[in-house]
C-alpha atoms as a PDB file:
ATOM      1  CA  MET A   1      41.244  34.001 -18.568  1.00  0.00           C
ATOM      2  CA  GLY A   2      37.750  32.567 -18.117  1.00  0.00           C
ATOM      3  CA  ALA A   3      37.299  34.397 -14.814  1.00  0.00           C
ATOM      4  CA  HIS A   4      33.835  35.747 -14.198  1.00  0.00           C
ATOM      5  CA  ARG A   5      33.667  39.477 -14.658  1.00  0.00           C
ATOM      6  CA  PRO A   6      30.578  41.506 -13.893  1.00  0.00           C
ATOM      7  CA  ALA A   7      28.556  42.417 -16.960  1.00  0.00           C
ATOM      8  CA  ALA A   8      29.601  46.049 -16.647  1.00  0.00           C
ATOM      9  CA  HIS A   9      33.230  45.090 -17.465  1.00  0.00           C
ATOM     10  CA  ARG A  10      32.707  42.667 -20.355  1.00  0.00           C
ATOM     11  CA  HIS A  11      32.496  44.837 -23.400  1.00  0.00           C
ATOM     12  CA  GLY A  12      36.218  44.631 -24.186  1.00  0.00           C
ATOM     13  CA  THR A  13      36.874  48.365 -24.427  1.00  0.00           C
ATOM     14  CA  GLY A  14      38.900  48.359 -21.228  1.00  0.00           C
ATOM     15  CA  HIS A  15      36.808  51.052 -19.607  1.00  0.00           C
ATOM     16  CA  ARG A  16      33.901  50.681 -17.258  1.00  0.00           C
ATOM     17  CA  LEU A  17      30.471  51.077 -18.818  1.00  0.00           C
ATOM     18  CA  ARG A  18      27.701  52.830 -17.011  1.00  0.00           C
ATOM     19  CA  PRO A  19      25.284  49.989 -16.175  1.00  0.00           C
ATOM     20  CA  ASP A  20      22.418  52.388 -15.679  1.00  0.00           C
ATOM     21  CA  SER A  21      22.674  53.638 -19.256  1.00  0.00           C
ATOM     22  CA  ASP A  22      23.403  50.392 -21.152  1.00  0.00           C
ATOM     23  CA  ALA A  23      20.314  48.248 -21.836  1.00  0.00           C
ATOM     24  CA  VAL A  24      22.396  45.140 -22.621  1.00  0.00           C
ATOM     25  CA  VAL A  25      24.281  45.431 -19.341  1.00  0.00           C
ATOM     26  CA  GLN A  26      21.008  45.976 -17.488  1.00  0.00           C
ATOM     27  CA  ALA A  27      19.536  42.860 -19.070  1.00  0.00           C
ATOM     28  CA  GLU A  28      22.628  40.810 -18.168  1.00  0.00           C
ATOM     29  CA  LEU A  29      22.560  42.067 -14.589  1.00  0.00           C
ATOM     30  CA  ALA A  30      18.865  41.258 -14.296  1.00  0.00           C
ATOM     31  CA  ALA A  31      19.439  37.741 -15.687  1.00  0.00           C
ATOM     32  CA  GLU A  32      22.300  37.153 -13.237  1.00  0.00           C
ATOM     33  CA  ALA A  33      20.146  38.341 -10.327  1.00  0.00           C
ATOM     34  CA  ALA A  34      17.245  36.107 -11.411  1.00  0.00           C
ATOM     35  CA  ALA A  35      19.540  33.092 -11.721  1.00  0.00           C
ATOM     36  CA  ALA A  36      20.995  33.756  -8.277  1.00  0.00           C
ATOM     37  CA  ALA A  37      17.497  34.077  -6.784  1.00  0.00           C
ATOM     38  CA  ALA A  38      16.437  30.808  -8.431  1.00  0.00           C
ATOM     39  CA  ARG A  39      19.517  29.010  -7.062  1.00  0.00           C
ATOM     40  CA  GLU A  40      18.790  30.394  -3.604  1.00  0.00           C
ATOM     41  CA  ALA A  41      15.149  29.245  -3.789  1.00  0.00           C
ATOM     42  CA  GLU A  42      16.267  25.738  -4.852  1.00  0.00           C
ATOM     43  CA  LEU A  43      18.676  25.582  -1.916  1.00  0.00           C
ATOM     44  CA  ARG A  44      15.967  26.703   0.533  1.00  0.00           C
ATOM     45  CA  GLU A  45      13.558  24.073  -0.836  1.00  0.00           C
ATOM     46  CA  ALA A  46      16.197  21.330  -0.607  1.00  0.00           C
ATOM     47  CA  ALA A  47      16.913  22.348   2.996  1.00  0.00           C
ATOM     48  CA  ARG A  48      13.171  22.313   3.817  1.00  0.00           C
ATOM     49  CA  ILE A  49      12.785  18.826   2.310  1.00  0.00           C
ATOM     50  CA  ALA A  50      15.836  17.522   4.183  1.00  0.00           C
ATOM     51  CA  ALA A  51      14.565  18.963   7.475  1.00  0.00           C
ATOM     52  CA  ARG A  52      11.111  17.404   6.988  1.00  0.00           C
ATOM     53  CA  ALA A  53      12.726  14.069   6.067  1.00  0.00           C
ATOM     54  CA  ASP A  54      14.767  14.283   9.287  1.00  0.00           C
ATOM     55  CA  GLU A  55      11.573  14.958  11.242  1.00  0.00           C
ATOM     56  CA  LEU A  56       9.747  12.055   9.582  1.00  0.00           C
ATOM     57  CA  GLN A  57      12.710   9.735  10.229  1.00  0.00           C
ATOM     58  CA  ALA A  58      12.656  10.689  13.917  1.00  0.00           C
ATOM     59  CA  LEU A  59       8.900   9.992  14.068  1.00  0.00           C
ATOM     60  CA  ARG A  60       9.531   6.691  12.294  1.00  0.00           C
ATOM     61  CA  GLU A  61      12.153   5.714  14.864  1.00  0.00           C
ATOM     62  CA  LEU A  62       9.680   6.558  17.639  1.00  0.00           C
ATOM     63  CA  GLY A  63       7.068   4.363  15.945  1.00  0.00           C
ATOM     64  CA  THR A  64       4.667   7.253  15.402  1.00  0.00           C
ATOM     65  CA  LEU A  65       5.087   7.941  11.678  1.00  0.00           C
ATOM     66  CA  GLU A  66       1.726   6.372  10.814  1.00  0.00           C
ATOM     67  CA  GLN A  67       0.018   8.815  13.211  1.00  0.00           C
ATOM     68  CA  THR A  68       1.585  11.860  11.542  1.00  0.00           C
ATOM     69  CA  GLU A  69      -0.693  13.961   9.371  1.00  0.00           C
ATOM     70  CA  PRO A  70       0.872  14.737   6.017  1.00  0.00           C
ATOM     71  CA  ARG A  71       1.768  18.258   4.984  1.00  0.00           C
ATOM     72  CA  GLU A  72       2.158  19.864   1.626  1.00  0.00           C
ATOM     73  CA  GLY A  73       5.426  18.714   0.092  1.00  0.00           C
ATOM     74  CA  ASP A  74       5.685  15.491   2.086  1.00  0.00           C
ATOM     75  CA  GLU A  75       5.849  13.542  -1.162  1.00  0.00           C
ATOM     76  CA  ALA A  76       9.317  15.046  -1.676  1.00  0.00           C
ATOM     77  CA  ALA A  77      10.285  14.189   1.908  1.00  0.00           C
ATOM     78  CA  ARG A  78       9.160  10.589   1.260  1.00  0.00           C
ATOM     79  CA  ASP A  79      11.366  10.558  -1.843  1.00  0.00           C
ATOM     80  CA  GLU A  80      14.273  11.886   0.241  1.00  0.00           C
ATOM     81  CA  LEU A  81      13.844   9.097   2.806  1.00  0.00           C
ATOM     82  CA  THR A  82      13.838   6.564  -0.037  1.00  0.00           C
ATOM     83  CA  ARG A  83      16.953   8.167  -1.536  1.00  0.00           C
ATOM     84  CA  ARG A  84      18.698   7.988   1.841  1.00  0.00           C
ATOM     85  CA  ALA A  85      17.877   4.283   1.972  1.00  0.00           C
ATOM     86  CA  GLY A  86      19.719   3.749  -1.296  1.00  0.00           C
ATOM     87  CA  GLY A  87      16.519   3.779  -3.315  1.00  0.00           C
ATOM     88  CA  HIS A  88      15.111   0.766  -1.491  1.00  0.00           C
ATOM     89  CA  VAL A  89      11.380   0.757  -0.836  1.00  0.00           C
ATOM     90  CA  GLN A  90      10.604   1.120   2.849  1.00  0.00           C
ATOM     91  CA  ALA A  91       7.214  -0.395   3.549  1.00  0.00           C
ATOM     92  CA  ASP A  92       6.414   1.805   6.543  1.00  0.00           C
ATOM     93  CA  VAL A  93       7.451   4.977   4.733  1.00  0.00           C
ATOM     94  CA  ASP A  94       5.263   4.092   1.737  1.00  0.00           C
ATOM     95  CA  ALA A  95       2.347   2.956   3.907  1.00  0.00           C
ATOM     96  CA  TRP A  96       2.247   6.309   5.683  1.00  0.00           C
ATOM     97  CA  PRO A  97       1.147   8.481   2.700  1.00  0.00           C
ATOM     98  CA  ALA A  98      -1.033   5.631   1.395  1.00  0.00           C
ATOM     99  CA  HIS A  99      -2.983   5.489   4.674  1.00  0.00           C
ATOM    100  CA  ALA A 100      -3.207   9.285   4.757  1.00  0.00           C
ATOM    101  CA  LEU A 101      -4.524   9.394   1.183  1.00  0.00           C
ATOM    102  CA  ALA A 102      -7.036   6.625   1.865  1.00  0.00           C
ATOM    103  CA  ALA A 103      -8.306   8.310   5.027  1.00  0.00           C
ATOM    104  CA  ILE A 104      -8.082  11.804   3.483  1.00  0.00           C
ATOM    105  CA  LEU A 105      -5.949  13.119   6.344  1.00  0.00           C
ATOM    106  CA  GLY A 106      -3.942  16.318   6.679  1.00  0.00           C
ATOM    107  CA  HIS A 107      -3.508  18.328   3.534  1.00  0.00           C
ATOM    108  CA  TYR A 108      -4.996  15.399   1.562  1.00  0.00           C
ATOM    109  CA  ALA A 109      -8.387  16.676   2.710  1.00  0.00           C
ATOM    110  CA  ASP A 110      -8.001  19.075  -0.218  1.00  0.00           C
ATOM    111  CA  PRO A 111      -8.912  17.386  -3.533  1.00  0.00           C
ATOM    112  CA  ALA A 112      -6.203  19.400  -5.299  1.00  0.00           C
ATOM    113  CA  ALA A 113      -3.586  18.002  -2.896  1.00  0.00           C
ATOM    114  CA  ARG A 114      -4.779  14.461  -3.604  1.00  0.00           C
ATOM    115  CA  GLU A 115      -4.557  15.123  -7.333  1.00  0.00           C
ATOM    116  CA  THR A 116      -1.051  16.540  -6.949  1.00  0.00           C
ATOM    117  CA  ALA A 117      -0.016  13.515  -4.867  1.00  0.00           C
ATOM    118  CA  ALA A 118      -1.278  11.215  -7.619  1.00  0.00           C
ATOM    119  CA  GLY A 119       1.294  12.778  -9.923  1.00  0.00           C
ATOM    120  CA  LEU A 120       4.136  12.604  -7.383  1.00  0.00           C
ATOM    121  CA  LEU A 121       3.813   9.325  -5.520  1.00  0.00           C
ATOM    122  CA  PRO A 122       4.895   6.003  -7.053  1.00  0.00           C
ATOM    123  CA  GLN A 123       2.302   3.538  -8.333  1.00  0.00           C
ATOM    124  CA  PRO A 124       2.617   1.080  -5.416  1.00  0.00           C
ATOM    125  CA  VAL A 125       1.751   3.843  -2.922  1.00  0.00           C
ATOM    126  CA  LEU A 126      -1.223   4.988  -5.001  1.00  0.00           C
ATOM    127  CA  ALA A 127      -2.450   1.415  -5.491  1.00  0.00           C
ATOM    128  CA  LEU A 128      -2.201   0.779  -1.749  1.00  0.00           C
ATOM    129  CA  ALA A 129      -4.111   3.988  -1.032  1.00  0.00           C
ATOM    130  CA  ALA A 130      -6.895   2.972  -3.435  1.00  0.00           C
ATOM    131  CA  LEU A 131      -7.192  -0.487  -1.904  1.00  0.00           C
ATOM    132  CA  LEU A 132      -7.105   0.840   1.660  1.00  0.00           C
ATOM    133  CA  ALA A 133      -9.828   3.380   0.847  1.00  0.00           C
ATOM    134  CA  GLU A 134     -12.022   0.666  -0.607  1.00  0.00           C
ATOM    135  CA  LEU A 135     -11.388  -1.715   2.300  1.00  0.00           C
ATOM    136  CA  ALA A 136     -12.220   1.070   4.774  1.00  0.00           C
ATOM    137  CA  ARG A 137     -15.473   1.691   2.903  1.00  0.00           C
ATOM    138  CA  LEU A 138     -16.367  -2.009   2.952  1.00  0.00           C
ATOM    139  CA  VAL A 139     -15.249  -2.724   6.543  1.00  0.00           C
ATOM    140  CA  PRO A 140     -15.153   0.612   8.410  1.00  0.00           C
ATOM    141  CA  ALA A 141     -14.184  -0.983  11.737  1.00  0.00           C
ATOM    142  CA  ALA A 142     -11.128  -2.762  10.295  1.00  0.00           C
ATOM    143  CA  GLY A 143      -7.914  -1.787  12.022  1.00  0.00           C
ATOM    144  CA  VAL A 144      -4.599  -1.094  10.354  1.00  0.00           C
ATOM    145  CA  ASP A 145      -3.311  -4.494  11.473  1.00  0.00           C
ATOM    146  CA  GLN A 146      -6.286  -6.213   9.794  1.00  0.00           C
ATOM    147  CA  VAL A 147      -5.443  -4.702   6.395  1.00  0.00           C
ATOM    148  CA  ALA A 148      -1.657  -5.098   6.595  1.00  0.00           C
ATOM    149  CA  PHE A 149      -1.892  -7.637   3.764  1.00  0.00           C
ATOM    150  CA  ALA A 150      -2.768  -4.766   1.423  1.00  0.00           C
ATOM    151  CA  ALA A 151       0.725  -3.265   1.756  1.00  0.00           C
ATOM    152  CA  ARG A 152       2.340  -6.590   0.886  1.00  0.00           C
ATOM    153  CA  LEU A 153       0.034  -6.977  -2.105  1.00  0.00           C
ATOM    154  CA  ALA A 154       0.779  -3.425  -3.319  1.00  0.00           C
ATOM    155  CA  ALA A 155       4.530  -3.969  -2.986  1.00  0.00           C
ATOM    156  CA  ALA A 156       4.355  -7.279  -4.862  1.00  0.00           C
ATOM    157  CA  ASP A 157       2.026  -6.216  -7.663  1.00  0.00           C
ATOM    158  CA  PRO A 158       0.786  -2.606  -7.720  1.00  0.00           C
ATOM    159  CA  GLU A 159      -1.166  -3.121 -10.951  1.00  0.00           C
ATOM    160  CA  ALA A 160      -3.098  -6.063  -9.487  1.00  0.00           C
ATOM    161  CA  THR A 161      -3.686  -4.056  -6.303  1.00  0.00           C
ATOM    162  CA  ALA A 162      -5.158  -1.146  -8.266  1.00  0.00           C
ATOM    163  CA  GLY A 163      -7.250  -3.608 -10.262  1.00  0.00           C
ATOM    164  CA  LEU A 164      -8.567  -5.211  -7.082  1.00  0.00           C
ATOM    165  CA  ALA A 165      -9.500  -1.797  -5.669  1.00  0.00           C
ATOM    166  CA  ALA A 166     -11.358  -0.907  -8.876  1.00  0.00           C
ATOM    167  CA  PHE A 167     -13.087  -4.299  -8.904  1.00  0.00           C
ATOM    168  CA  LEU A 168     -14.248  -3.936  -5.299  1.00  0.00           C
ATOM    169  CA  THR A 169     -15.580  -0.478  -6.090  1.00  0.00           C
ATOM    170  CA  ARG A 170     -17.562  -1.756  -9.074  1.00  0.00           C
ATOM    171  CA  ALA A 171     -18.750  -4.874  -7.240  1.00  0.00           C
ATOM    172  CA  THR A 172     -20.238  -2.884  -4.403  1.00  0.00           C
ATOM    173  CA  GLU A 173     -21.870  -0.108  -6.413  1.00  0.00           C
ATOM    174  CA  PRO A 174     -25.666  -0.067  -6.382  1.00  0.00           C
ATOM    175  CA  ALA A 175     -27.118  -2.286  -9.102  1.00  0.00           C
ATOM    176  CA  ASP A 176     -29.092  -0.746 -11.944  1.00  0.00           C
ATOM    177  CA  THR A 177     -32.497  -2.113 -12.954  1.00  0.00           C
ATOM    178  CA  ALA A 178     -30.899  -4.870 -15.066  1.00  0.00           C
ATOM    179  CA  GLY A 179     -29.163  -6.220 -11.956  1.00  0.00           C
ATOM    180  CA  SER A 180     -25.601  -5.289 -12.858  1.00  0.00           C
ATOM    181  CA  PRO A 181     -23.553  -2.517 -11.233  1.00  0.00           C
ATOM    182  CA  ALA A 182     -24.386   0.925 -12.598  1.00  0.00           C
END
């Protein structure tokens, strides 16, 4: 009792229905096939994310994560690395997409990818990216080590970090004729 029987055997008459002639059976078979295909796609995506997270972890261990250009879907791989760490924020893992967003590297060269990332990455990463972009605009020759404070600020207070980035943007905009930023 409760065992799964194919749709063609479920109509309780004890005899096999002809699936090709029964619209209800056809619909059930199609729904089962669609559900199986969806499960398979989810499994493939989970495997892809896990493999990319493994690759990023290896690059991290080699000390080259920050030099890695992001790919589509890396936000999920970042989440997987965070999950593997017990949900603890890993500064270097979060700094990597923030630097890539700020410098518009890899697939973040596409405005649609940046917009998608804004909906997927946590606020501290986005705040750090905004501040790094503004600092790079103000001091183009600044090295990563010279702006390391930005990551600490974003981790401590992402809202203040985003506010500082917005303030710096406004403060350095060309002034209008009244002498205030446009």
